[in-house]
């Protein structure tokens, strides 16, 4: 009976890991990665990143906070009158 291998995650962290592994493979002087393979990895990663950009745009429109690929982030608790660069606006609250 063979052991089950853990399934890889399919999220932004996995893309970053693959890209950094590729970078390490290219810089390995003893066993460098094949350039064509590195280019293929880069192209696939770019396609995944482009689809993530579409997800981010969709989340902005529908008001979501995350997806299976991009982790959900809880709303920021900002003090009154503070600017949040990621949101692109200043939060103003009135006391009652």
PDB file of N, CA and C in Angstrom:
ATOM      1  N   UNK A   1       0.850  -1.180   0.000  1.00  0.00           N
ATOM      2  CA  UNK A   1       0.000   0.000   0.000  1.00  0.00           C
ATOM      3  C   UNK A   1       0.896   1.245   0.000  1.00  0.00           C
ATOM      4  N   UNK A   2       0.656   2.156  -0.923  1.00  0.00           N
ATOM      5  CA  UNK A   2       1.491   3.348  -1.013  1.00  0.00           C
ATOM      6  C   UNK A   2       0.889   4.487  -0.213  1.00  0.00           C
ATOM      7  N   UNK A   3       1.781   5.326   0.297  1.00  0.00           N
ATOM      8  CA  UNK A   3       1.328   6.494   1.056  1.00  0.00           C
ATOM      9  C   UNK A   3       0.768   7.532   0.102  1.00  0.00           C
ATOM     10  N   UNK A   4      -0.274   8.199   0.539  1.00  0.00           N
ATOM     11  CA  UNK A   4      -0.846   9.279  -0.255  1.00  0.00           C
ATOM     12  C   UNK A   4       0.044  10.504  -0.134  1.00  0.00           C
ATOM     13  N   UNK A   5       0.370  11.090  -1.268  1.00  0.00           N
ATOM     14  CA  UNK A   5       1.131  12.331  -1.273  1.00  0.00           C
ATOM     15  C   UNK A   5       0.173  13.483  -1.007  1.00  0.00           C
ATOM     16  N   UNK A   6       0.594  14.472  -0.204  1.00  0.00           N
ATOM     17  CA  UNK A   6      -0.296  15.622   0.022  1.00  0.00           C
ATOM     18  C   UNK A   6      -0.524  16.367  -1.293  1.00  0.00           C
ATOM     19  N   UNK A   7      -1.751  16.804  -1.490  1.00  0.00           N
ATOM     20  CA  UNK A   7      -2.081  17.559  -2.689  1.00  0.00           C
ATOM     21  C   UNK A   7      -1.488  18.962  -2.575  1.00  0.00           C
ATOM     22  N   UNK A   8      -0.867  19.446  -3.655  1.00  0.00           N
ATOM     23  CA  UNK A   8      -0.330  20.806  -3.595  1.00  0.00           C
ATOM     24  C   UNK A   8      -1.467  21.818  -3.540  1.00  0.00           C
ATOM     25  N   UNK A   9      -1.192  22.942  -2.896  1.00  0.00           N
ATOM     26  CA  UNK A   9      -2.191  23.997  -2.871  1.00  0.00           C
ATOM     27  C   UNK A   9      -2.134  24.745  -4.194  1.00  0.00           C
ATOM     28  N   UNK A  10      -3.243  25.245  -4.606  1.00  0.00           N
ATOM     29  CA  UNK A  10      -3.306  26.037  -5.835  1.00  0.00           C
ATOM     30  C   UNK A  10      -3.680  27.454  -5.470  1.00  0.00           C
ATOM     31  N   UNK A  11      -2.709  28.169  -4.923  1.00  0.00           N
ATOM     32  CA  UNK A  11      -2.949  29.539  -4.511  1.00  0.00           C
ATOM     33  C   UNK A  11      -1.726  30.370  -4.860  1.00  0.00           C
ATOM     34  N   UNK A  12      -1.790  31.635  -4.531  1.00  0.00           N
ATOM     35  CA  UNK A  12      -0.707  32.558  -4.875  1.00  0.00           C
ATOM     36  C   UNK A  12       0.613  32.140  -4.239  1.00  0.00           C
ATOM     37  N   UNK A  13       0.556  31.534  -3.064  1.00  0.00           N
ATOM     38  CA  UNK A  13       1.771  31.067  -2.399  1.00  0.00           C
ATOM     39  C   UNK A  13       2.444  29.977  -3.219  1.00  0.00           C
ATOM     40  N   UNK A  14       1.659  29.080  -3.818  1.00  0.00           N
ATOM     41  CA  UNK A  14       2.218  28.015  -4.654  1.00  0.00           C
ATOM     42  C   UNK A  14       2.899  28.594  -5.892  1.00  0.00           C
ATOM     43  N   UNK A  15       2.312  29.654  -6.465  1.00  0.00           N
ATOM     44  CA  UNK A  15       2.926  30.296  -7.634  1.00  0.00           C
ATOM     45  C   UNK A  15       4.262  30.915  -7.238  1.00  0.00           C
ATOM     46  N   UNK A  16       4.275  31.618  -6.122  1.00  0.00           N
ATOM     47  CA  UNK A  16       5.532  32.228  -5.650  1.00  0.00           C
ATOM     48  C   UNK A  16       6.587  31.156  -5.388  1.00  0.00           C
ATOM     49  N   UNK A  17       6.184  30.063  -4.757  1.00  0.00           N
ATOM     50  CA  UNK A  17       7.121  28.974  -4.466  1.00  0.00           C
ATOM     51  C   UNK A  17       7.707  28.419  -5.757  1.00  0.00           C
ATOM     52  N   UNK A  18       6.868  28.169  -6.745  1.00  0.00           N
ATOM     53  CA  UNK A  18       7.342  27.633  -8.025  1.00  0.00           C
ATOM     54  C   UNK A  18       8.309  28.600  -8.703  1.00  0.00           C
ATOM     55  N   UNK A  19       8.003  29.881  -8.653  1.00  0.00           N
ATOM     56  CA  UNK A  19       8.885  30.864  -9.290  1.00  0.00           C
ATOM     57  C   UNK A  19      10.227  30.971  -8.574  1.00  0.00           C
ATOM     58  N   UNK A  20      10.213  30.940  -7.254  1.00  0.00           N
ATOM     59  CA  UNK A  20      11.483  30.998  -6.524  1.00  0.00           C
ATOM     60  C   UNK A  20      12.272  29.700  -6.692  1.00  0.00           C
ATOM     61  N   UNK A  21      11.578  28.561  -6.771  1.00  0.00           N
ATOM     62  CA  UNK A  21      12.265  27.302  -7.059  1.00  0.00           C
ATOM     63  C   UNK A  21      12.926  27.356  -8.440  1.00  0.00           C
ATOM     64  N   UNK A  22      12.228  27.947  -9.393  1.00  0.00           N
ATOM     65  CA  UNK A  22      12.783  28.102 -10.742  1.00  0.00           C
ATOM     66  C   UNK A  22      14.022  28.994 -10.708  1.00  0.00           C
ATOM     67  N   UNK A  23      13.949  30.078  -9.978  1.00  0.00           N
ATOM     68  CA  UNK A  23      15.098  30.981  -9.850  1.00  0.00           C
ATOM     69  C   UNK A  23      16.294  30.256  -9.241  1.00  0.00           C
ATOM     70  N   UNK A  24      16.037  29.479  -8.181  1.00  0.00           N
ATOM     71  CA  UNK A  24      17.121  28.707  -7.568  1.00  0.00           C
ATOM     72  C   UNK A  24      17.670  27.683  -8.548  1.00  0.00           C
ATOM     73  N   UNK A  25      16.784  27.050  -9.311  1.00  0.00           N
ATOM     74  CA  UNK A  25      17.219  26.060 -10.294  1.00  0.00           C
ATOM     75  C   UNK A  25      18.083  26.671 -11.379  1.00  0.00           C
ATOM     76  N   UNK A  26      17.747  27.864 -11.808  1.00  0.00           N
ATOM     77  CA  UNK A  26      18.538  28.532 -12.837  1.00  0.00           C
ATOM     78  C   UNK A  26      19.915  28.934 -12.326  1.00  0.00           C
ATOM     79  N   UNK A  27      20.000  29.262 -11.053  1.00  0.00           N
ATOM     80  CA  UNK A  27      21.282  29.722 -10.512  1.00  0.00           C
ATOM     81  C   UNK A  27      22.139  28.587  -9.944  1.00  0.00           C
ATOM     82  N   UNK A  28      21.656  27.347 -10.011  1.00  0.00           N
ATOM     83  CA  UNK A  28      22.421  26.194  -9.532  1.00  0.00           C
ATOM     84  C   UNK A  28      23.533  25.881 -10.526  1.00  0.00           C
ATOM     85  N   UNK A  29      24.773  26.139 -10.137  1.00  0.00           N
ATOM     86  CA  UNK A  29      25.905  25.953 -11.056  1.00  0.00           C
ATOM     87  C   UNK A  29      26.198  24.485 -11.337  1.00  0.00           C
ATOM     88  N   UNK A  30      25.872  23.597 -10.394  1.00  0.00           N
ATOM     89  CA  UNK A  30      26.150  22.175 -10.581  1.00  0.00           C
ATOM     90  C   UNK A  30      25.096  21.473 -11.441  1.00  0.00           C
ATOM     91  N   UNK A  31      23.851  21.915 -11.342  1.00  0.00           N
ATOM     92  CA  UNK A  31      22.767  21.265 -12.075  1.00  0.00           C
ATOM     93  C   UNK A  31      21.737  22.324 -12.482  1.00  0.00           C
ATOM     94  N   UNK A  32      22.105  23.219 -13.426  1.00  0.00           N
ATOM     95  CA  UNK A  32      21.197  24.309 -13.782  1.00  0.00           C
ATOM     96  C   UNK A  32      19.945  23.805 -14.500  1.00  0.00           C
ATOM     97  N   UNK A  33      18.838  24.509 -14.250  1.00  0.00           N
ATOM     98  CA  UNK A  33      17.579  24.178 -14.912  1.00  0.00           C
ATOM     99  C   UNK A  33      17.669  24.529 -16.391  1.00  0.00           C
ATOM    100  N   UNK A  34      17.030  23.722 -17.210  1.00  0.00           N
ATOM    101  CA  UNK A  34      16.950  23.966 -18.646  1.00  0.00           C
ATOM    102  C   UNK A  34      16.207  25.280 -18.896  1.00  0.00           C
ATOM    103  N   UNK A  35      16.759  26.138 -19.732  1.00  0.00           N
ATOM    104  CA  UNK A  35      16.175  27.459 -20.000  1.00  0.00           C
ATOM    105  C   UNK A  35      14.760  27.336 -20.564  1.00  0.00           C
ATOM    106  N   UNK A  36      14.541  26.392 -21.477  1.00  0.00           N
ATOM    107  CA  UNK A  36      13.208  26.232 -22.071  1.00  0.00           C
ATOM    108  C   UNK A  36      12.173  25.871 -20.997  1.00  0.00           C
ATOM    109  N   UNK A  37      12.577  25.052 -20.050  1.00  0.00           N
ATOM    110  CA  UNK A  37      11.673  24.676 -18.964  1.00  0.00           C
ATOM    111  C   UNK A  37      11.369  25.893 -18.084  1.00  0.00           C
ATOM    112  N   UNK A  38      12.392  26.685 -17.779  1.00  0.00           N
ATOM    113  CA  UNK A  38      12.190  27.888 -16.969  1.00  0.00           C
ATOM    114  C   UNK A  38      11.252  28.864 -17.673  1.00  0.00           C
ATOM    115  N   UNK A  39      11.391  28.998 -18.983  1.00  0.00           N
ATOM    116  CA  UNK A  39      10.514  29.890 -19.745  1.00  0.00           C
ATOM    117  C   UNK A  39       9.081  29.373 -19.709  1.00  0.00           C
ATOM    118  N   UNK A  40       8.903  28.070 -19.828  1.00  0.00           N
ATOM    119  CA  UNK A  40       7.559  27.485 -19.762  1.00  0.00           C
ATOM    120  C   UNK A  40       6.929  27.751 -18.397  1.00  0.00           C
ATOM    121  N   UNK A  41       7.709  27.603 -17.324  1.00  0.00           N
ATOM    122  CA  UNK A  41       7.206  27.869 -15.973  1.00  0.00           C
ATOM    123  C   UNK A  41       6.812  29.335 -15.845  1.00  0.00           C
ATOM    124  N   UNK A  42       7.659  30.208 -16.368  1.00  0.00           N
ATOM    125  CA  UNK A  42       7.380  31.652 -16.311  1.00  0.00           C
ATOM    126  C   UNK A  42       6.104  31.990 -17.069  1.00  0.00           C
ATOM    127  N   UNK A  43       5.924  31.401 -18.238  1.00  0.00           N
ATOM    128  CA  UNK A  43       4.730  31.689 -19.038  1.00  0.00           C
ATOM    129  C   UNK A  43       3.458  31.209 -18.349  1.00  0.00           C
ATOM    130  N   UNK A  44       3.507  30.027 -17.782  1.00  0.00           N
ATOM    131  CA  UNK A  44       2.336  29.502 -17.075  1.00  0.00           C
ATOM    132  C   UNK A  44       2.040  30.357 -15.845  1.00  0.00           C
ATOM    133  N   UNK A  45       3.086  30.725 -15.113  1.00  0.00           N
ATOM    134  CA  UNK A  45       2.894  31.569 -13.932  1.00  0.00           C
ATOM    135  C   UNK A  45       2.281  32.907 -14.322  1.00  0.00           C
ATOM    136  N   UNK A  46       2.712  33.488 -15.442  1.00  0.00           N
ATOM    137  CA  UNK A  46       2.156  34.764 -15.888  1.00  0.00           C
ATOM    138  C   UNK A  46       0.674  34.632 -16.209  1.00  0.00           C
ATOM    139  N   UNK A  47       0.289  33.517 -16.817  1.00  0.00           N
ATOM    140  CA  UNK A  47      -1.123  33.279 -17.104  1.00  0.00           C
ATOM    141  C   UNK A  47      -1.928  33.188 -15.809  1.00  0.00           C
ATOM    142  N   UNK A  48      -1.386  32.490 -14.815  1.00  0.00           N
ATOM    143  CA  UNK A  48      -2.066  32.371 -13.525  1.00  0.00           C
ATOM    144  C   UNK A  48      -2.176  33.739 -12.855  1.00  0.00           C
ATOM    145  N   UNK A  49      -1.112  34.515 -12.906  1.00  0.00           N
ATOM    146  CA  UNK A  49      -1.115  35.853 -12.303  1.00  0.00           C
ATOM    147  C   UNK A  49      -2.125  36.751 -13.007  1.00  0.00           C
ATOM    148  N   UNK A  50      -2.205  36.659 -14.328  1.00  0.00           N
ATOM    149  CA  UNK A  50      -3.192  37.460 -15.061  1.00  0.00           C
ATOM    150  C   UNK A  50      -4.612  37.087 -14.657  1.00  0.00           C
ATOM    151  N   UNK A  51      -4.863  35.805 -14.443  1.00  0.00           N
ATOM    152  CA  UNK A  51      -6.207  35.400 -14.009  1.00  0.00           C
ATOM    153  C   UNK A  51      -6.474  35.907 -12.586  1.00  0.00           C
ATOM    154  N   UNK A  52      -5.436  35.962 -11.750  1.00  0.00           N
ATOM    155  CA  UNK A  52      -5.601  36.504 -10.395  1.00  0.00           C
ATOM    156  C   UNK A  52      -5.945  37.986 -10.451  1.00  0.00           C
ATOM    157  N   UNK A  53      -5.373  38.717 -11.407  1.00  0.00           N
ATOM    158  CA  UNK A  53      -5.710  40.137 -11.564  1.00  0.00           C
ATOM    159  C   UNK A  53      -7.184  40.302 -11.907  1.00  0.00           C
ATOM    160  N   UNK A  54      -7.706  39.408 -12.737  1.00  0.00           N
ATOM    161  CA  UNK A  54      -9.130  39.439 -13.068  1.00  0.00           C
ATOM    162  C   UNK A  54      -9.957  39.156 -11.812  1.00  0.00           C
ATOM    163  N   UNK A  55      -9.497  38.201 -10.995  1.00  0.00           N
ATOM    164  CA  UNK A  55     -10.197  37.906  -9.734  1.00  0.00           C
ATOM    165  C   UNK A  55     -10.233  39.138  -8.841  1.00  0.00           C
ATOM    166  N   UNK A  56      -9.111  39.834  -8.723  1.00  0.00           N
ATOM    167  CA  UNK A  56      -9.049  41.034  -7.880  1.00  0.00           C
ATOM    168  C   UNK A  56     -10.032  42.079  -8.397  1.00  0.00           C
ATOM    169  N   UNK A  57     -10.064  42.284  -9.711  1.00  0.00           N
ATOM    170  CA  UNK A  57     -11.010  43.245 -10.284  1.00  0.00           C
ATOM    171  C   UNK A  57     -12.454  42.831  -9.990  1.00  0.00           C
ATOM    172  N   UNK A  58     -12.737  41.541 -10.113  1.00  0.00           N
ATOM    173  CA  UNK A  58     -14.090  41.051  -9.832  1.00  0.00           C
ATOM    174  C   UNK A  58     -14.432  41.238  -8.354  1.00  0.00           C
ATOM    175  N   UNK A  59     -13.469  40.980  -7.460  1.00  0.00           N
ATOM    176  CA  UNK A  59     -13.717  41.163  -6.028  1.00  0.00           C
ATOM    177  C   UNK A  59     -14.031  42.618  -5.707  1.00  0.00           C
ATOM    178  N   UNK A  60     -13.372  43.542  -6.411  1.00  0.00           N
ATOM    179  CA  UNK A  60     -13.651  44.967  -6.202  1.00  0.00           C
ATOM    180  C   UNK A  60     -15.083  45.293  -6.606  1.00  0.00           C
ATOM    181  N   UNK A  61     -15.544  44.703  -7.705  1.00  0.00           N
ATOM    182  CA  UNK A  61     -16.882  44.991  -8.208  1.00  0.00           C
ATOM    183  C   UNK A  61     -17.953  44.373  -7.318  1.00  0.00           C
ATOM    184  N   UNK A  62     -17.750  43.120  -6.919  1.00  0.00           N
ATOM    185  CA  UNK A  62     -18.785  42.433  -6.144  1.00  0.00           C
ATOM    186  C   UNK A  62     -18.622  42.611  -4.641  1.00  0.00           C
ATOM    187  N   UNK A  63     -17.506  43.216  -4.241  1.00  0.00           N
ATOM    188  CA  UNK A  63     -17.296  43.482  -2.820  1.00  0.00           C
ATOM    189  C   UNK A  63     -16.790  42.285  -2.044  1.00  0.00           C
ATOM    190  N   UNK A  64     -16.153  41.345  -2.701  1.00  0.00           N
ATOM    191  CA  UNK A  64     -15.616  40.179  -2.011  1.00  0.00           C
ATOM    192  C   UNK A  64     -14.314  40.483  -1.307  1.00  0.00           C
ATOM    193  N   UNK A  65     -13.889  39.538  -0.486  1.00  0.00           N
ATOM    194  CA  UNK A  65     -12.637  39.728   0.244  1.00  0.00           C
ATOM    195  C   UNK A  65     -11.607  38.650  -0.071  1.00  0.00           C
ATOM    196  N   UNK A  66     -11.925  37.699  -0.910  1.00  0.00           N
ATOM    197  CA  UNK A  66     -10.962  36.664  -1.240  1.00  0.00           C
ATOM    198  C   UNK A  66     -11.597  35.590  -2.096  1.00  0.00           C
ATOM    199  N   UNK A  67     -10.754  34.688  -2.567  1.00  0.00           N
ATOM    200  CA  UNK A  67     -11.215  33.561  -3.375  1.00  0.00           C
ATOM    201  C   UNK A  67     -10.370  32.364  -2.977  1.00  0.00           C
ATOM    202  N   UNK A  68     -10.531  31.270  -3.667  1.00  0.00           N
ATOM    203  CA  UNK A  68      -9.707  30.114  -3.359  1.00  0.00           C
ATOM    204  C   UNK A  68      -8.242  30.342  -3.678  1.00  0.00           C
ATOM    205  N   UNK A  69      -7.972  31.229  -4.609  1.00  0.00           N
ATOM    206  CA  UNK A  69      -6.601  31.514  -5.011  1.00  0.00           C
ATOM    207  C   UNK A  69      -6.000  32.635  -4.182  1.00  0.00           C
ATOM    208  N   UNK A  70      -6.792  33.652  -3.923  1.00  0.00           N
ATOM    209  CA  UNK A  70      -6.359  34.794  -3.128  1.00  0.00           C
ATOM    210  C   UNK A  70      -7.049  34.690  -1.770  1.00  0.00           C
ATOM    211  N   UNK A  71      -6.278  34.582  -0.681  1.00  0.00           N
ATOM    212  CA  UNK A  71      -6.910  34.415   0.628  1.00  0.00           C
ATOM    213  C   UNK A  71      -7.747  35.628   1.025  1.00  0.00           C
ATOM    214  N   UNK A  72      -8.805  35.357   1.764  1.00  0.00           N
ATOM    215  CA  UNK A  72      -9.665  36.436   2.262  1.00  0.00           C
ATOM    216  C   UNK A  72      -8.909  37.227   3.315  1.00  0.00           C
ATOM    217  N   UNK A  73      -9.107  38.515   3.294  1.00  0.00           N
ATOM    218  CA  UNK A  73      -8.475  39.403   4.272  1.00  0.00           C
ATOM    219  C   UNK A  73      -9.585  40.094   5.036  1.00  0.00           C
ATOM    220  N   UNK A  74      -9.535  40.039   6.366  1.00  0.00           N
ATOM    221  CA  UNK A  74     -10.586  40.731   7.128  1.00  0.00           C
ATOM    222  C   UNK A  74     -10.504  42.231   6.895  1.00  0.00           C
ATOM    223  N   UNK A  75     -11.641  42.919   6.968  1.00  0.00           N
ATOM    224  CA  UNK A  75     -11.618  44.370   6.765  1.00  0.00           C
ATOM    225  C   UNK A  75     -10.674  45.032   7.758  1.00  0.00           C
ATOM    226  N   UNK A  76      -9.975  46.028   7.285  1.00  0.00           N
ATOM    227  CA  UNK A  76      -9.016  46.736   8.132  1.00  0.00           C
ATOM    228  C   UNK A  76      -9.756  47.567   9.174  1.00  0.00           C
ATOM    229  N   UNK A  77      -9.244  47.551  10.383  1.00  0.00           N
ATOM    230  CA  UNK A  77      -9.781  48.394  11.458  1.00  0.00           C
ATOM    231  C   UNK A  77      -8.904  49.640  11.492  1.00  0.00           C
ATOM    232  N   UNK A  78      -9.380  50.677  10.838  1.00  0.00           N
ATOM    233  CA  UNK A  78      -8.586  51.893  10.734  1.00  0.00           C
ATOM    234  C   UNK A  78      -9.104  52.959  11.693  1.00  0.00           C
ATOM    235  N   UNK A  79      -8.184  53.682  12.326  1.00  0.00           N
ATOM    236  CA  UNK A  79      -8.620  54.819  13.136  1.00  0.00           C
ATOM    237  C   UNK A  79      -9.277  55.869  12.242  1.00  0.00           C
ATOM    238  N   UNK A  80     -10.113  56.676  12.815  1.00  0.00           N
ATOM    239  CA  UNK A  80     -10.807  57.722  12.061  1.00  0.00           C
ATOM    240  C   UNK A  80      -9.823  58.636  11.351  1.00  0.00           C
ATOM    241  N   UNK A  81     -10.181  58.969  10.097  1.00  0.00           N
ATOM    242  CA  UNK A  81      -9.376  59.917   9.334  1.00  0.00           C
ATOM    243  C   UNK A  81      -8.075  59.362   8.805  1.00  0.00           C
ATOM    244  N   UNK A  82      -7.908  58.040   8.844  1.00  0.00           N
ATOM    245  CA  UNK A  82      -6.650  57.454   8.360  1.00  0.00           C
ATOM    246  C   UNK A  82      -6.780  57.052   6.908  1.00  0.00           C
ATOM    247  N   UNK A  83      -5.695  57.187   6.227  1.00  0.00           N
ATOM    248  CA  UNK A  83      -5.652  56.805   4.820  1.00  0.00           C
ATOM    249  C   UNK A  83      -5.166  55.369   4.701  1.00  0.00           C
ATOM    250  N   UNK A  84      -5.789  54.624   3.831  1.00  0.00           N
ATOM    251  CA  UNK A  84      -5.384  53.238   3.581  1.00  0.00           C
ATOM    252  C   UNK A  84      -5.034  53.128   2.102  1.00  0.00           C
ATOM    253  N   UNK A  85      -3.714  53.041   1.742  1.00  0.00           N
ATOM    254  CA  UNK A  85      -3.310  53.070   0.341  1.00  0.00           C
ATOM    255  C   UNK A  85      -3.917  51.948  -0.497  1.00  0.00           C
ATOM    256  N   UNK A  86      -4.127  50.777   0.078  1.00  0.00           N
ATOM    257  CA  UNK A  86      -4.679  49.663  -0.700  1.00  0.00           C
ATOM    258  C   UNK A  86      -6.129  49.936  -1.076  1.00  0.00           C
ATOM    259  N   UNK A  87      -6.840  50.668  -0.235  1.00  0.00           N
ATOM    260  CA  UNK A  87      -8.235  50.969  -0.521  1.00  0.00           C
ATOM    261  C   UNK A  87      -8.373  52.216  -1.376  1.00  0.00           C
ATOM    262  N   UNK A  88      -7.348  53.041  -1.385  1.00  0.00           N
ATOM    263  CA  UNK A  88      -7.364  54.239  -2.226  1.00  0.00           C
ATOM    264  C   UNK A  88      -8.285  55.340  -1.721  1.00  0.00           C
ATOM    265  N   UNK A  89      -8.599  55.326  -0.444  1.00  0.00           N
ATOM    266  CA  UNK A  89      -9.436  56.380   0.090  1.00  0.00           C
ATOM    267  C   UNK A  89      -9.156  56.594   1.574  1.00  0.00           C
ATOM    268  N   UNK A  90      -9.711  57.675   2.102  1.00  0.00           N
ATOM    269  CA  UNK A  90      -9.580  57.985   3.512  1.00  0.00           C
ATOM    270  C   UNK A  90     -10.874  57.617   4.211  1.00  0.00           C
ATOM    271  N   UNK A  91     -10.756  57.012   5.381  1.00  0.00           N
ATOM    272  CA  UNK A  91     -11.913  56.601   6.161  1.00  0.00           C
ATOM    273  C   UNK A  91     -12.278  57.745   7.118  1.00  0.00           C
ATOM    274  N   UNK A  92     -13.520  58.227   7.031  1.00  0.00           N
ATOM    275  CA  UNK A  92     -14.025  59.258   7.931  1.00  0.00           C
ATOM    276  C   UNK A  92     -15.218  58.689   8.675  1.00  0.00           C
ATOM    277  N   UNK A  93     -15.254  58.870   9.993  1.00  0.00           N
ATOM    278  CA  UNK A  93     -16.379  58.412  10.800  1.00  0.00           C
ATOM    279  C   UNK A  93     -16.838  59.566  11.665  1.00  0.00           C
ATOM    280  N   UNK A  94     -18.146  59.674  11.823  1.00  0.00           N
ATOM    281  CA  UNK A  94     -18.707  60.733  12.645  1.00  0.00           C
ATOM    282  C   UNK A  94     -19.139  60.148  13.982  1.00  0.00           C
ATOM    283  N   UNK A  95     -18.868  60.888  15.061  1.00  0.00           N
ATOM    284  CA  UNK A  95     -19.350  60.482  16.382  1.00  0.00           C
ATOM    285  C   UNK A  95     -20.819  60.841  16.486  1.00  0.00           C
ATOM    286  N   UNK A  96     -21.549  60.047  17.206  1.00  0.00           N
ATOM    287  CA  UNK A  96     -22.980  60.352  17.415  1.00  0.00           C
ATOM    288  C   UNK A  96     -23.184  61.016  18.734  1.00  0.00           C
TER     289      UNK A  96
END
